[in-house]
Each structure stands twice: as C-alpha cells, then as structure tokens.
Amino acid sequence: QVQLVESGGGLVQPGGSLRLSCTASGFTLDSHTSGWFRQAPGKEREGVAAITGSDGTWYGDPAKGRFTIARDNAKNTVYLQLNRLKPEDTAVYYCATDTRGGTWNRHILDPTAYDNWGQGTQVTVSS
C-alpha cells in the first residue's frame, strides 16, 4: 500500500526552527519527485519546496533562504527544515509525491501535479 506519513510539526516561537519528516511506504521516494505544500485557514494550498529523483530542488518564494528540502534514501524519507519561522508560516504542511508524471507538464510546485498525499502536520508559529 502506497502511503506517506508526515511528522515533526508543533508549536514554535517566531524565529525558531522545526524539521518535518515524510516517510514513504509501498514505493521508493528516490524514483519520484516529492514536494512539501502548506495550507493556512481560508487560503489555497501553496507549494513550499520540491526535490526530484535526481536531487534537483525548487523553493517557493516564502521558503527561499529559510527552508531546506532534503531526502534520505536509506530511510525513504523526505525532510523539510524550517528555520527563522514567522507567524505567517502557520499552516498544515503536507508532503506529496508525483508517481504519474504530473510534474512533467506542470510547474513542480503546482499541487495538482501530485497524486499521492500525506495526512498533513500542523505547524503553529506563535509567541
């Protein structure tokens, strides 16, 4: 069974850090493009970062210079390191993988390019 499970969310003060993890089962992440997305209440889901099977990385504007995406093939896990967090980073963070080639003809940070999603993990940035 293909499954993605996120973890690592929580409550953090502004300026703090978190590391989100996304572990896959039923398939290998290094064969596909994986992405992190987030959705705040009342807002559309937006792309945060993505990593291809060949380790190319892309970042959305809010993530540039603060967040880092990485993959550990031995653990079949993709990480998102969140640094210098701001209150506006508060959202549910989702990981997703493209197993059907959606990112071949859509932007790599377009949520509609991804077909396999985790359940999400809440990140709250507040003092």
C-alpha atoms as a PDB file:
ATOM      1  CA  GLN A   1       0.000   0.000   0.000  1.00  0.00           C
ATOM      2  CA  VAL A   2       1.363   3.394  -1.023  1.00  0.00           C
ATOM      3  CA  GLN A   3       1.446   5.726   1.948  1.00  0.00           C
ATOM      4  CA  LEU A   4       3.103   8.955   3.099  1.00  0.00           C
ATOM      5  CA  VAL A   5       3.273   9.839   6.787  1.00  0.00           C
ATOM      6  CA  GLU A   6       4.363  13.289   7.968  1.00  0.00           C
ATOM      7  CA  SER A   7       5.659  14.153  11.409  1.00  0.00           C
ATOM      8  CA  GLY A   8       7.569  16.887  13.190  1.00  0.00           C
ATOM      9  CA  GLY A   9       5.023  19.674  13.371  1.00  0.00           C
ATOM     10  CA  GLY A  10       4.260  21.604  16.518  1.00  0.00           C
ATOM     11  CA  LEU A  11       4.179  24.940  18.250  1.00  0.00           C
ATOM     12  CA  VAL A  12       7.281  27.102  17.936  1.00  0.00           C
ATOM     13  CA  GLN A  13       8.113  30.712  18.752  1.00  0.00           C
ATOM     14  CA  PRO A  14       8.899  33.210  15.999  1.00  0.00           C
ATOM     15  CA  GLY A  15      12.499  32.809  14.907  1.00  0.00           C
ATOM     16  CA  GLY A  16      12.536  29.152  15.895  1.00  0.00           C
ATOM     17  CA  SER A  17      13.081  26.010  13.844  1.00  0.00           C
ATOM     18  CA  LEU A  18      11.367  22.723  13.115  1.00  0.00           C
ATOM     19  CA  ARG A  19      12.205  19.725  10.962  1.00  0.00           C
ATOM     20  CA  LEU A  20       9.343  17.998   9.227  1.00  0.00           C
ATOM     21  CA  SER A  21       9.678  14.404   8.067  1.00  0.00           C
ATOM     22  CA  CYS A  22       7.746  12.485   5.437  1.00  0.00           C
ATOM     23  CA  THR A  23       8.294   8.735   5.342  1.00  0.00           C
ATOM     24  CA  ALA A  24       7.025   6.667   2.443  1.00  0.00           C
ATOM     25  CA  SER A  25       5.931   3.040   2.358  1.00  0.00           C
ATOM     26  CA  GLY A  26       4.978   0.932  -0.610  1.00  0.00           C
ATOM     27  CA  PHE A  27       7.310   2.727  -3.023  1.00  0.00           C
ATOM     28  CA  THR A  28      10.729   4.405  -3.108  1.00  0.00           C
ATOM     29  CA  LEU A  29      10.922   8.177  -2.934  1.00  0.00           C
ATOM     30  CA  ASP A  30      14.150   8.485  -4.910  1.00  0.00           C
ATOM     31  CA  SER A  31      12.340   7.333  -8.044  1.00  0.00           C
ATOM     32  CA  HIS A  32       9.921  10.264  -7.950  1.00  0.00           C
ATOM     33  CA  THR A  33       9.584  13.983  -7.396  1.00  0.00           C
ATOM     34  CA  SER A  34       8.440  14.885  -3.888  1.00  0.00           C
ATOM     35  CA  GLY A  35       7.095  18.167  -2.640  1.00  0.00           C
ATOM     36  CA  TRP A  36       6.091  19.978   0.514  1.00  0.00           C
ATOM     37  CA  PHE A  37       2.970  22.133   0.477  1.00  0.00           C
ATOM     38  CA  ARG A  38       1.118  24.123   3.082  1.00  0.00           C
ATOM     39  CA  GLN A  39      -2.386  25.369   3.608  1.00  0.00           C
ATOM     40  CA  ALA A  40      -3.432  28.037   6.059  1.00  0.00           C
ATOM     41  CA  PRO A  41      -7.078  28.531   7.076  1.00  0.00           C
ATOM     42  CA  GLY A  42      -9.020  30.275   4.338  1.00  0.00           C
ATOM     43  CA  LYS A  43      -6.130  30.104   1.872  1.00  0.00           C
ATOM     44  CA  GLU A  44      -5.274  27.901  -1.070  1.00  0.00           C
ATOM     45  CA  ARG A  45      -2.688  25.182  -0.793  1.00  0.00           C
ATOM     46  CA  GLU A  46       0.702  26.528  -1.890  1.00  0.00           C
ATOM     47  CA  GLY A  47       3.941  24.890  -2.902  1.00  0.00           C
ATOM     48  CA  VAL A  48       6.807  25.288  -0.450  1.00  0.00           C
ATOM     49  CA  ALA A  49       9.624  23.136  -1.823  1.00  0.00           C
ATOM     50  CA  ALA A  50      10.239  20.161  -4.086  1.00  0.00           C
ATOM     51  CA  ILE A  51      13.004  17.673  -4.801  1.00  0.00           C
ATOM     52  CA  THR A  52      13.376  15.490  -7.869  1.00  0.00           C
ATOM     53  CA  GLY A  53      14.658  11.943  -8.066  1.00  0.00           C
ATOM     54  CA  SER A  54      17.999  13.360  -9.236  1.00  0.00           C
ATOM     55  CA  ASP A  55      18.118  15.746  -6.228  1.00  0.00           C
ATOM     56  CA  GLY A  56      17.199  18.941  -8.031  1.00  0.00           C
ATOM     57  CA  THR A  57      15.456  21.331  -5.646  1.00  0.00           C
ATOM     58  CA  TRP A  58      12.940  24.146  -6.043  1.00  0.00           C
ATOM     59  CA  TYR A  59      11.609  26.601  -3.476  1.00  0.00           C
ATOM     60  CA  GLY A  60       8.593  28.834  -3.328  1.00  0.00           C
ATOM     61  CA  ASP A  61       9.200  32.488  -2.508  1.00  0.00           C
ATOM     62  CA  PRO A  62       8.244  32.181   1.208  1.00  0.00           C
ATOM     63  CA  ALA A  63      10.751  29.363   1.622  1.00  0.00           C
ATOM     64  CA  LYS A  64      13.787  30.840  -0.106  1.00  0.00           C
ATOM     65  CA  GLY A  65      16.666  31.374   2.284  1.00  0.00           C
ATOM     66  CA  ARG A  66      14.821  29.887   5.270  1.00  0.00           C
ATOM     67  CA  PHE A  67      13.675  26.352   4.396  1.00  0.00           C
ATOM     68  CA  THR A  68      15.627  23.385   3.054  1.00  0.00           C
ATOM     69  CA  ILE A  69      14.303  20.220   1.473  1.00  0.00           C
ATOM     70  CA  ALA A  70      16.365  17.035   1.539  1.00  0.00           C
ATOM     71  CA  ARG A  71      15.940  13.299   1.117  1.00  0.00           C
ATOM     72  CA  ASP A  72      17.481  10.322   2.911  1.00  0.00           C
ATOM     73  CA  ASN A  73      17.198   7.391   0.522  1.00  0.00           C
ATOM     74  CA  ALA A  74      18.216   4.832   3.134  1.00  0.00           C
ATOM     75  CA  LYS A  75      15.290   5.921   5.318  1.00  0.00           C
ATOM     76  CA  ASN A  76      12.944   6.540   2.366  1.00  0.00           C
ATOM     77  CA  THR A  77      12.194   9.898   3.949  1.00  0.00           C
ATOM     78  CA  VAL A  78      11.986  13.486   2.729  1.00  0.00           C
ATOM     79  CA  TYR A  79      12.668  16.297   5.174  1.00  0.00           C
ATOM     80  CA  LEU A  80      11.778  19.957   5.301  1.00  0.00           C
ATOM     81  CA  GLN A  81      13.960  22.024   7.607  1.00  0.00           C
ATOM     82  CA  LEU A  82      12.152  25.183   8.671  1.00  0.00           C
ATOM     83  CA  ASN A  83      14.329  27.982  10.048  1.00  0.00           C
ATOM     84  CA  ARG A  84      13.630  31.564  11.135  1.00  0.00           C
ATOM     85  CA  LEU A  85       9.936  30.783  11.322  1.00  0.00           C
ATOM     86  CA  LYS A  86       7.373  33.573  11.176  1.00  0.00           C
ATOM     87  CA  PRO A  87       3.745  33.681  12.316  1.00  0.00           C
ATOM     88  CA  GLU A  88       2.679  33.696   8.661  1.00  0.00           C
ATOM     89  CA  ASP A  89       4.270  30.261   8.260  1.00  0.00           C
ATOM     90  CA  THR A  90       1.483  28.838  10.402  1.00  0.00           C
ATOM     91  CA  ALA A  91      -0.316  26.187   8.347  1.00  0.00           C
ATOM     92  CA  VAL A  92      -0.880  22.493   7.862  1.00  0.00           C
ATOM     93  CA  TYR A  93       2.131  21.162   5.974  1.00  0.00           C
ATOM     94  CA  TYR A  94       1.654  18.274   3.559  1.00  0.00           C
ATOM     95  CA  CYS A  95       4.107  16.151   1.670  1.00  0.00           C
ATOM     96  CA  ALA A  96       3.232  14.696  -1.712  1.00  0.00           C
ATOM     97  CA  THR A  97       4.780  12.668  -4.486  1.00  0.00           C
ATOM     98  CA  ASP A  98       4.304  12.627  -8.220  1.00  0.00           C
ATOM     99  CA  THR A  99       4.094   8.982  -9.279  1.00  0.00           C
ATOM    100  CA  ARG A 100       2.250   9.598 -12.568  1.00  0.00           C
ATOM    101  CA  GLY A 101       4.391  12.203 -14.271  1.00  0.00           C
ATOM    102  CA  GLY A 102       2.273  15.217 -13.349  1.00  0.00           C
ATOM    103  CA  THR A 103       5.340  17.405 -12.881  1.00  0.00           C
ATOM    104  CA  TRP A 104       6.436  16.732 -16.459  1.00  0.00           C
ATOM    105  CA  ASN A 105       3.898  19.227 -17.818  1.00  0.00           C
ATOM    106  CA  ARG A 106       3.002  21.319 -14.810  1.00  0.00           C
ATOM    107  CA  HIS A 107       5.057  23.525 -12.510  1.00  0.00           C
ATOM    108  CA  ILE A 108       6.908  21.470  -9.937  1.00  0.00           C
ATOM    109  CA  LEU A 109       5.250  23.456  -7.104  1.00  0.00           C
ATOM    110  CA  ASP A 110       1.735  23.094  -8.546  1.00  0.00           C
ATOM    111  CA  PRO A 111      -0.258  20.909  -6.115  1.00  0.00           C
ATOM    112  CA  THR A 112      -2.303  19.475  -8.988  1.00  0.00           C
ATOM    113  CA  ALA A 113       0.864  17.847 -10.358  1.00  0.00           C
ATOM    114  CA  TYR A 114       0.974  15.453  -7.383  1.00  0.00           C
ATOM    115  CA  ASP A 115      -1.159  12.338  -6.944  1.00  0.00           C
ATOM    116  CA  ASN A 116      -0.089  10.901  -3.608  1.00  0.00           C
ATOM    117  CA  TRP A 117      -0.537  12.905  -0.376  1.00  0.00           C
ATOM    118  CA  GLY A 118       0.127  12.517   3.300  1.00  0.00           C
ATOM    119  CA  GLN A 119      -2.322  13.481   6.032  1.00  0.00           C
ATOM    120  CA  GLY A 120      -0.540  16.702   6.987  1.00  0.00           C
ATOM    121  CA  THR A 121       1.167  18.022  10.098  1.00  0.00           C
ATOM    122  CA  GLN A 122       0.282  21.281  11.859  1.00  0.00           C
ATOM    123  CA  VAL A 123       2.920  23.984  12.268  1.00  0.00           C
ATOM    124  CA  THR A 124       1.996  26.885  14.525  1.00  0.00           C
ATOM    125  CA  VAL A 125       4.338  29.842  14.957  1.00  0.00           C
ATOM    126  CA  SER A 126       3.305  31.994  17.880  1.00  0.00           C
ATOM    127  CA  SER A 127       4.729  33.674  20.949  1.00  0.00           C
END
